[in-house]
N, C-alpha and C. Protein backbone atom coordinates (compact mmCIF):
# COMPACT_ATOMS: atom_id res chain seq x y z
N MET A 1 56.12 -57.48 89.57
CA MET A 1 55.66 -57.13 91.09
C MET A 1 55.23 -55.58 90.92
N LEU A 2 54.27 -55.19 91.49
CA LEU A 2 53.72 -53.44 91.20
C LEU A 2 53.88 -53.06 92.61
N LEU A 3 54.42 -51.61 92.65
CA LEU A 3 53.83 -51.03 93.49
C LEU A 3 53.03 -49.75 93.25
N GLU A 4 51.66 -49.72 94.22
CA GLU A 4 50.84 -48.80 94.14
C GLU A 4 50.63 -47.74 94.87
N PRO A 5 51.20 -46.48 94.38
CA PRO A 5 50.78 -45.44 95.16
C PRO A 5 49.45 -44.70 95.61
N LEU A 6 48.74 -44.68 96.59
CA LEU A 6 47.32 -44.24 96.95
C LEU A 6 47.06 -42.86 97.28
N ASN A 7 46.40 -41.90 97.15
CA ASN A 7 45.78 -40.89 97.94
C ASN A 7 45.43 -40.90 99.22
N LEU A 8 45.90 -40.04 100.05
CA LEU A 8 45.73 -40.06 101.59
C LEU A 8 44.05 -39.44 101.73
N HIS A 9 43.40 -39.07 100.83
CA HIS A 9 42.08 -38.80 101.22
C HIS A 9 41.34 -39.85 101.16
N ASP A 10 41.64 -41.03 100.70
CA ASP A 10 40.63 -42.21 100.53
C ASP A 10 41.68 -43.52 101.52
N HIS A 11 42.93 -43.32 101.39
CA HIS A 11 43.54 -44.35 102.58
C HIS A 11 44.56 -43.44 103.38
N PRO A 12 43.85 -42.72 104.48
CA PRO A 12 44.82 -41.77 105.53
C PRO A 12 45.57 -42.83 106.31
N GLY A 13 46.89 -42.42 105.92
CA GLY A 13 48.32 -43.00 106.78
C GLY A 13 48.84 -43.87 105.88
N TYR A 14 48.41 -44.15 104.48
CA TYR A 14 49.31 -44.97 103.60
C TYR A 14 50.40 -44.51 103.21
N PHE A 15 51.48 -44.99 103.42
CA PHE A 15 52.74 -44.53 103.33
C PHE A 15 53.19 -44.35 102.01
N LEU A 16 52.61 -44.98 100.97
CA LEU A 16 53.15 -44.61 99.44
C LEU A 16 52.25 -43.67 98.67
N ASP A 17 52.35 -42.59 99.11
CA ASP A 17 51.25 -41.55 98.87
C ASP A 17 51.49 -40.72 97.48
N ASN A 18 52.34 -40.87 97.02
CA ASN A 18 52.60 -39.94 96.05
C ASN A 18 53.64 -40.78 95.04
N SER A 19 53.52 -40.15 93.54
CA SER A 19 54.12 -40.67 92.53
C SER A 19 55.45 -40.82 92.58
N ASP A 20 56.20 -39.65 92.85
CA ASP A 20 57.71 -39.45 92.97
C ASP A 20 58.16 -40.60 93.89
N LEU A 21 57.69 -40.84 95.16
CA LEU A 21 58.25 -41.68 96.34
C LEU A 21 57.96 -42.88 95.33
N ALA A 22 56.93 -43.62 94.82
CA ALA A 22 56.88 -44.91 94.32
C ALA A 22 58.04 -45.08 93.15
N PHE A 23 58.36 -44.22 92.30
CA PHE A 23 59.12 -44.34 91.39
C PHE A 23 60.87 -44.05 91.84
N THR A 24 60.94 -43.59 92.79
CA THR A 24 62.19 -43.56 93.51
C THR A 24 62.40 -44.84 93.96
N VAL A 25 61.33 -45.54 94.67
CA VAL A 25 61.73 -47.14 95.23
C VAL A 25 61.94 -47.92 93.85
N VAL A 26 61.29 -48.01 92.81
CA VAL A 26 61.47 -48.84 91.66
C VAL A 26 62.95 -48.19 90.86
N ARG A 27 63.20 -47.03 90.97
CA ARG A 27 64.80 -46.87 90.44
C ARG A 27 65.52 -47.12 91.38
N THR A 28 65.36 -47.09 92.74
CA THR A 28 66.44 -47.39 93.94
C THR A 28 66.94 -48.79 93.53
N ILE A 29 65.72 -49.62 93.38
CA ILE A 29 65.80 -51.26 93.72
C ILE A 29 66.31 -51.88 92.24
N ARG A 30 66.08 -50.81 91.02
CA ARG A 30 66.53 -51.40 89.86
C ARG A 30 66.24 -52.83 89.48
N SER A 31 65.26 -53.35 89.83
CA SER A 31 64.93 -54.78 88.96
C SER A 31 63.81 -54.70 87.91
N PRO A 32 64.10 -55.37 86.85
CA PRO A 32 63.22 -55.59 85.78
C PRO A 32 61.84 -56.18 85.96
N TYR A 33 61.96 -56.66 87.36
CA TYR A 33 60.55 -57.14 88.15
C TYR A 33 59.72 -56.35 88.75
N LEU A 34 60.13 -55.12 89.02
CA LEU A 34 59.37 -54.28 89.77
C LEU A 34 59.29 -52.88 89.16
N LYS A 35 57.84 -52.62 89.12
CA LYS A 35 57.24 -51.46 88.18
C LYS A 35 56.27 -50.89 89.17
N VAL A 36 55.46 -49.89 88.71
CA VAL A 36 54.57 -48.92 89.55
C VAL A 36 53.12 -49.22 88.87
N LEU A 37 52.23 -49.66 89.77
CA LEU A 37 50.73 -49.84 89.23
C LEU A 37 50.49 -48.45 89.18
N PHE A 38 50.31 -47.39 88.06
CA PHE A 38 49.72 -46.10 87.97
C PHE A 38 48.16 -46.06 88.20
N ASP A 39 47.64 -45.85 89.16
CA ASP A 39 46.33 -45.73 89.26
C ASP A 39 45.81 -44.09 88.91
N ILE A 40 45.15 -43.70 87.86
CA ILE A 40 45.04 -42.57 87.52
C ILE A 40 44.12 -41.56 88.49
N TYR A 41 43.21 -42.09 88.84
CA TYR A 41 42.36 -41.93 90.02
C TYR A 41 42.82 -41.17 91.19
N HIS A 42 43.82 -41.99 91.73
CA HIS A 42 44.50 -42.01 93.15
C HIS A 42 45.54 -40.73 93.06
N MET A 43 46.11 -40.71 91.57
CA MET A 43 47.39 -39.74 91.41
C MET A 43 46.44 -38.38 91.18
N GLN A 44 45.65 -38.49 90.47
CA GLN A 44 44.75 -37.21 90.26
C GLN A 44 44.25 -36.65 91.55
N ARG A 45 43.87 -37.21 92.65
CA ARG A 45 43.48 -36.92 93.55
C ARG A 45 44.70 -36.43 94.45
N ALA A 46 45.77 -36.96 94.44
CA ALA A 46 46.32 -36.75 95.47
C ALA A 46 47.53 -35.66 94.65
N GLU A 47 47.83 -35.54 93.37
CA GLU A 47 48.81 -34.60 93.01
C GLU A 47 48.48 -33.94 91.61
N GLY A 48 47.76 -34.28 91.11
CA GLY A 48 47.24 -33.83 89.47
C GLY A 48 48.45 -34.35 88.65
N HIS A 49 48.30 -33.24 87.24
CA HIS A 49 49.56 -33.41 86.78
C HIS A 49 49.76 -34.96 85.90
N ILE A 50 48.63 -35.35 85.66
CA ILE A 50 48.81 -36.66 85.31
C ILE A 50 49.50 -37.00 83.84
N LEU A 51 49.51 -36.15 82.95
CA LEU A 51 49.95 -36.58 81.60
C LEU A 51 51.49 -36.11 82.09
N GLU A 52 51.74 -35.03 82.46
CA GLU A 52 53.44 -34.92 82.84
C GLU A 52 53.91 -35.98 83.87
N THR A 53 53.06 -36.45 84.94
CA THR A 53 53.70 -37.68 85.37
C THR A 53 53.78 -38.99 84.65
N ILE A 54 52.96 -39.46 83.77
CA ILE A 54 53.10 -40.28 83.28
C ILE A 54 54.40 -40.42 82.01
N SER A 55 54.34 -39.31 81.38
CA SER A 55 55.24 -38.89 80.20
C SER A 55 56.80 -39.05 81.23
N ARG A 56 56.81 -38.60 82.19
CA ARG A 56 58.03 -38.57 83.13
C ARG A 56 58.79 -39.94 83.18
N TYR A 57 57.85 -40.88 83.64
CA TYR A 57 58.04 -42.05 84.24
C TYR A 57 57.83 -43.29 83.34
N SER A 58 57.29 -43.04 82.11
CA SER A 58 56.78 -44.17 81.30
C SER A 58 57.54 -45.49 81.39
N GLU A 59 58.64 -45.58 81.60
CA GLU A 59 59.51 -46.78 81.44
C GLU A 59 59.10 -47.53 82.91
N GLU A 60 58.72 -46.74 84.11
CA GLU A 60 58.41 -47.59 85.22
C GLU A 60 57.27 -47.93 85.45
N ILE A 61 56.21 -47.51 84.47
CA ILE A 61 54.79 -47.77 84.91
C ILE A 61 54.72 -49.49 83.77
N GLY A 62 54.20 -50.33 84.96
CA GLY A 62 53.88 -51.52 84.42
C GLY A 62 52.32 -52.05 84.54
N TYR A 63 51.62 -50.92 84.90
CA TYR A 63 49.99 -51.23 84.63
C TYR A 63 49.38 -50.02 85.19
N PHE A 64 48.04 -49.59 84.44
CA PHE A 64 47.19 -48.69 84.82
C PHE A 64 45.93 -49.13 85.61
N HIS A 65 45.71 -48.54 86.31
CA HIS A 65 44.21 -48.44 86.67
C HIS A 65 43.32 -47.07 86.41
N ILE A 66 42.12 -47.12 85.81
CA ILE A 66 41.53 -46.02 85.39
C ILE A 66 40.30 -45.67 85.88
N ALA A 67 39.59 -44.73 86.70
CA ALA A 67 38.60 -44.34 86.97
C ALA A 67 38.47 -42.84 86.98
N ASP A 68 37.39 -42.36 86.92
CA ASP A 68 37.10 -40.78 86.73
C ASP A 68 37.32 -39.90 88.39
N VAL A 69 37.29 -38.82 88.29
CA VAL A 69 37.38 -38.11 89.69
C VAL A 69 36.47 -36.79 89.19
N PRO A 70 35.55 -36.83 90.57
CA PRO A 70 35.39 -37.40 91.59
C PRO A 70 34.54 -38.70 91.74
N GLY A 71 34.46 -39.19 92.73
CA GLY A 71 33.84 -40.59 93.03
C GLY A 71 34.40 -41.93 92.59
N ARG A 72 35.51 -42.05 91.64
CA ARG A 72 35.86 -43.48 91.34
C ARG A 72 34.65 -43.88 90.37
N TYR A 73 34.12 -43.13 89.62
CA TYR A 73 32.95 -43.70 88.67
C TYR A 73 33.71 -44.12 87.04
N GLU A 74 33.21 -44.36 86.51
CA GLU A 74 33.56 -45.05 84.71
C GLU A 74 33.97 -43.63 84.43
N PRO A 75 34.99 -43.53 83.49
CA PRO A 75 35.31 -42.29 82.55
C PRO A 75 34.57 -41.85 81.94
N GLY A 76 34.42 -40.47 81.89
CA GLY A 76 33.50 -39.74 81.33
C GLY A 76 32.52 -39.23 82.29
N THR A 77 32.65 -39.36 83.30
CA THR A 77 31.83 -38.85 84.42
C THR A 77 32.26 -37.96 85.39
N GLY A 78 33.74 -37.52 85.21
CA GLY A 78 34.30 -36.64 86.05
C GLY A 78 35.08 -35.54 85.22
N GLU A 79 36.09 -35.07 86.04
CA GLU A 79 37.10 -34.01 85.63
C GLU A 79 38.24 -34.40 84.73
N LEU A 80 38.52 -35.94 84.34
CA LEU A 80 39.61 -36.39 83.78
C LEU A 80 39.05 -36.39 82.30
N HIS A 81 39.78 -36.06 81.31
CA HIS A 81 39.78 -36.62 79.88
C HIS A 81 40.33 -37.65 79.33
N TYR A 82 39.63 -38.90 79.49
CA TYR A 82 40.45 -39.98 79.18
C TYR A 82 40.79 -40.19 77.83
N PRO A 83 40.02 -39.69 76.80
CA PRO A 83 40.74 -39.97 75.34
C PRO A 83 41.95 -39.12 75.47
N ASN A 84 42.32 -38.00 76.02
CA ASN A 84 43.54 -37.36 75.67
C ASN A 84 44.55 -38.05 76.48
N ILE A 85 44.26 -38.74 77.91
CA ILE A 85 45.40 -39.72 78.54
C ILE A 85 45.63 -40.80 77.95
N LEU A 86 44.56 -41.54 77.41
CA LEU A 86 44.86 -42.77 76.88
C LEU A 86 45.87 -42.55 75.74
N GLN A 87 45.67 -41.51 74.60
CA GLN A 87 46.27 -41.61 73.38
C GLN A 87 47.81 -41.10 74.17
N ALA A 88 48.04 -40.25 75.16
CA ALA A 88 49.03 -40.42 75.34
C ALA A 88 50.11 -41.15 75.63
N ILE A 89 49.45 -42.17 76.66
CA ILE A 89 49.96 -43.48 76.95
C ILE A 89 50.01 -44.43 75.68
N GLN A 90 49.41 -44.41 74.72
CA GLN A 90 49.57 -44.90 73.34
C GLN A 90 50.72 -44.40 72.84
N ARG A 91 50.87 -43.06 72.70
CA ARG A 91 52.27 -42.57 71.81
C ARG A 91 53.32 -42.69 72.86
N LEU A 92 53.26 -43.16 74.21
CA LEU A 92 54.43 -43.36 74.87
C LEU A 92 54.93 -44.59 74.74
N GLY A 93 54.21 -45.27 74.08
CA GLY A 93 54.51 -46.96 73.54
C GLY A 93 54.04 -47.81 74.55
N TYR A 94 53.37 -47.55 75.48
CA TYR A 94 52.93 -48.67 76.24
C TYR A 94 51.71 -49.78 75.75
N THR A 95 52.08 -50.83 75.91
CA THR A 95 51.24 -51.76 75.09
C THR A 95 50.57 -52.75 76.19
N GLY A 96 50.75 -52.41 77.32
CA GLY A 96 50.19 -53.47 78.49
C GLY A 96 48.61 -53.47 78.56
N THR A 97 48.25 -53.75 79.68
CA THR A 97 46.84 -53.86 79.89
C THR A 97 46.51 -52.64 80.79
N ILE A 98 45.26 -52.01 80.65
CA ILE A 98 44.77 -51.10 81.18
C ILE A 98 43.35 -51.67 82.00
N GLY A 99 43.47 -51.47 83.38
CA GLY A 99 42.26 -51.95 84.06
C GLY A 99 41.24 -50.72 84.58
N PHE A 100 40.16 -51.16 84.28
CA PHE A 100 39.06 -50.11 84.77
C PHE A 100 38.81 -50.51 86.04
N GLU A 101 39.36 -49.74 87.07
CA GLU A 101 38.94 -50.17 88.54
C GLU A 101 37.79 -49.12 89.00
N CYS A 102 36.71 -48.86 88.47
CA CYS A 102 35.56 -47.90 88.69
C CYS A 102 34.45 -48.73 89.04
N ARG A 103 33.38 -47.87 89.63
CA ARG A 103 31.92 -48.40 90.10
C ARG A 103 31.05 -47.60 88.83
N PRO A 104 29.75 -48.03 88.73
CA PRO A 104 29.24 -47.47 87.83
C PRO A 104 28.36 -46.23 88.31
N GLN A 105 28.40 -45.00 87.87
CA GLN A 105 27.78 -43.81 88.36
C GLN A 105 26.35 -43.84 88.78
N SER A 106 25.88 -44.22 87.57
CA SER A 106 24.13 -44.65 87.62
C SER A 106 24.04 -46.00 87.40
N SER A 107 24.27 -46.58 86.14
CA SER A 107 23.66 -47.65 85.96
C SER A 107 25.03 -48.68 85.47
N GLU A 108 25.03 -49.82 85.69
CA GLU A 108 26.02 -50.75 84.85
C GLU A 108 25.72 -50.66 83.43
N THR A 109 24.55 -50.58 83.03
CA THR A 109 24.82 -50.51 81.30
C THR A 109 25.13 -49.39 80.96
N LEU A 110 24.74 -48.05 81.55
CA LEU A 110 25.37 -46.85 81.14
C LEU A 110 26.97 -46.77 81.32
N ALA A 111 27.24 -47.25 82.47
CA ALA A 111 28.89 -47.17 82.70
C ALA A 111 29.43 -48.28 81.56
N LEU A 112 29.02 -49.42 81.12
CA LEU A 112 29.80 -50.24 80.28
C LEU A 112 29.63 -49.69 78.80
N THR A 113 28.54 -48.79 78.58
CA THR A 113 28.17 -48.00 77.15
C THR A 113 29.38 -46.91 77.24
N ARG A 114 29.77 -46.28 78.47
CA ARG A 114 30.68 -45.22 78.45
C ARG A 114 32.03 -45.80 78.10
N ILE A 115 32.28 -47.04 78.73
CA ILE A 115 33.71 -47.64 78.62
C ILE A 115 33.86 -48.19 77.11
N LYS A 116 32.90 -48.77 76.61
CA LYS A 116 32.85 -49.03 75.28
C LYS A 116 33.01 -48.27 74.39
N THR A 117 32.29 -46.88 74.53
CA THR A 117 32.67 -45.35 73.41
C THR A 117 34.13 -45.04 73.59
N LEU A 118 34.47 -45.37 75.01
CA LEU A 118 35.76 -44.60 75.10
C LEU A 118 37.37 -45.73 74.25
N ILE A 119 36.81 -46.68 74.46
CA ILE A 119 37.43 -47.93 73.65
C ILE A 119 37.21 -47.64 72.45
N GLU A 120 36.46 -47.33 71.76
CA GLU A 120 36.04 -47.18 70.38
C GLU A 120 36.85 -45.98 69.77
N GLN A 121 36.87 -44.55 70.78
CA GLN A 121 37.46 -43.36 70.42
C GLN A 121 38.91 -43.78 70.39
N ILE A 122 39.46 -44.52 71.13
CA ILE A 122 41.04 -44.70 71.12
C ILE A 122 41.66 -45.69 70.06
N THR A 123 40.42 -46.55 69.92
CA THR A 123 41.11 -47.77 68.90
C THR A 123 40.64 -47.56 67.45
N GLY A 124 39.57 -46.42 67.12
CA GLY A 124 39.14 -46.39 66.11
C GLY A 124 38.08 -47.33 65.79
């Protein structure tokens, strides 16, 4: 089971609006079946400090969503430097799945090319 904090800019009134609250819930319940779905787009919009937060809570993260800010477009179109972020996730020992939850900025072909390039940068 996953809890996903969302930013209030895109989801006004959503109760789980920051990573600290989500991780507090997970640590309070203390179940091996409950983790946080860390959506990098949402947490960058909500609070920033992505690398610091991922490092602090790496044991409680069960899944990642990635998209760039602004616009929720594919990585490589905005302010986030995804090669650094994904390398940090690897160094922390995360071996699970990472979901690309983004939309193409201009064309699907260009978006897929950017995603492929990012994967190649990380995997060698």
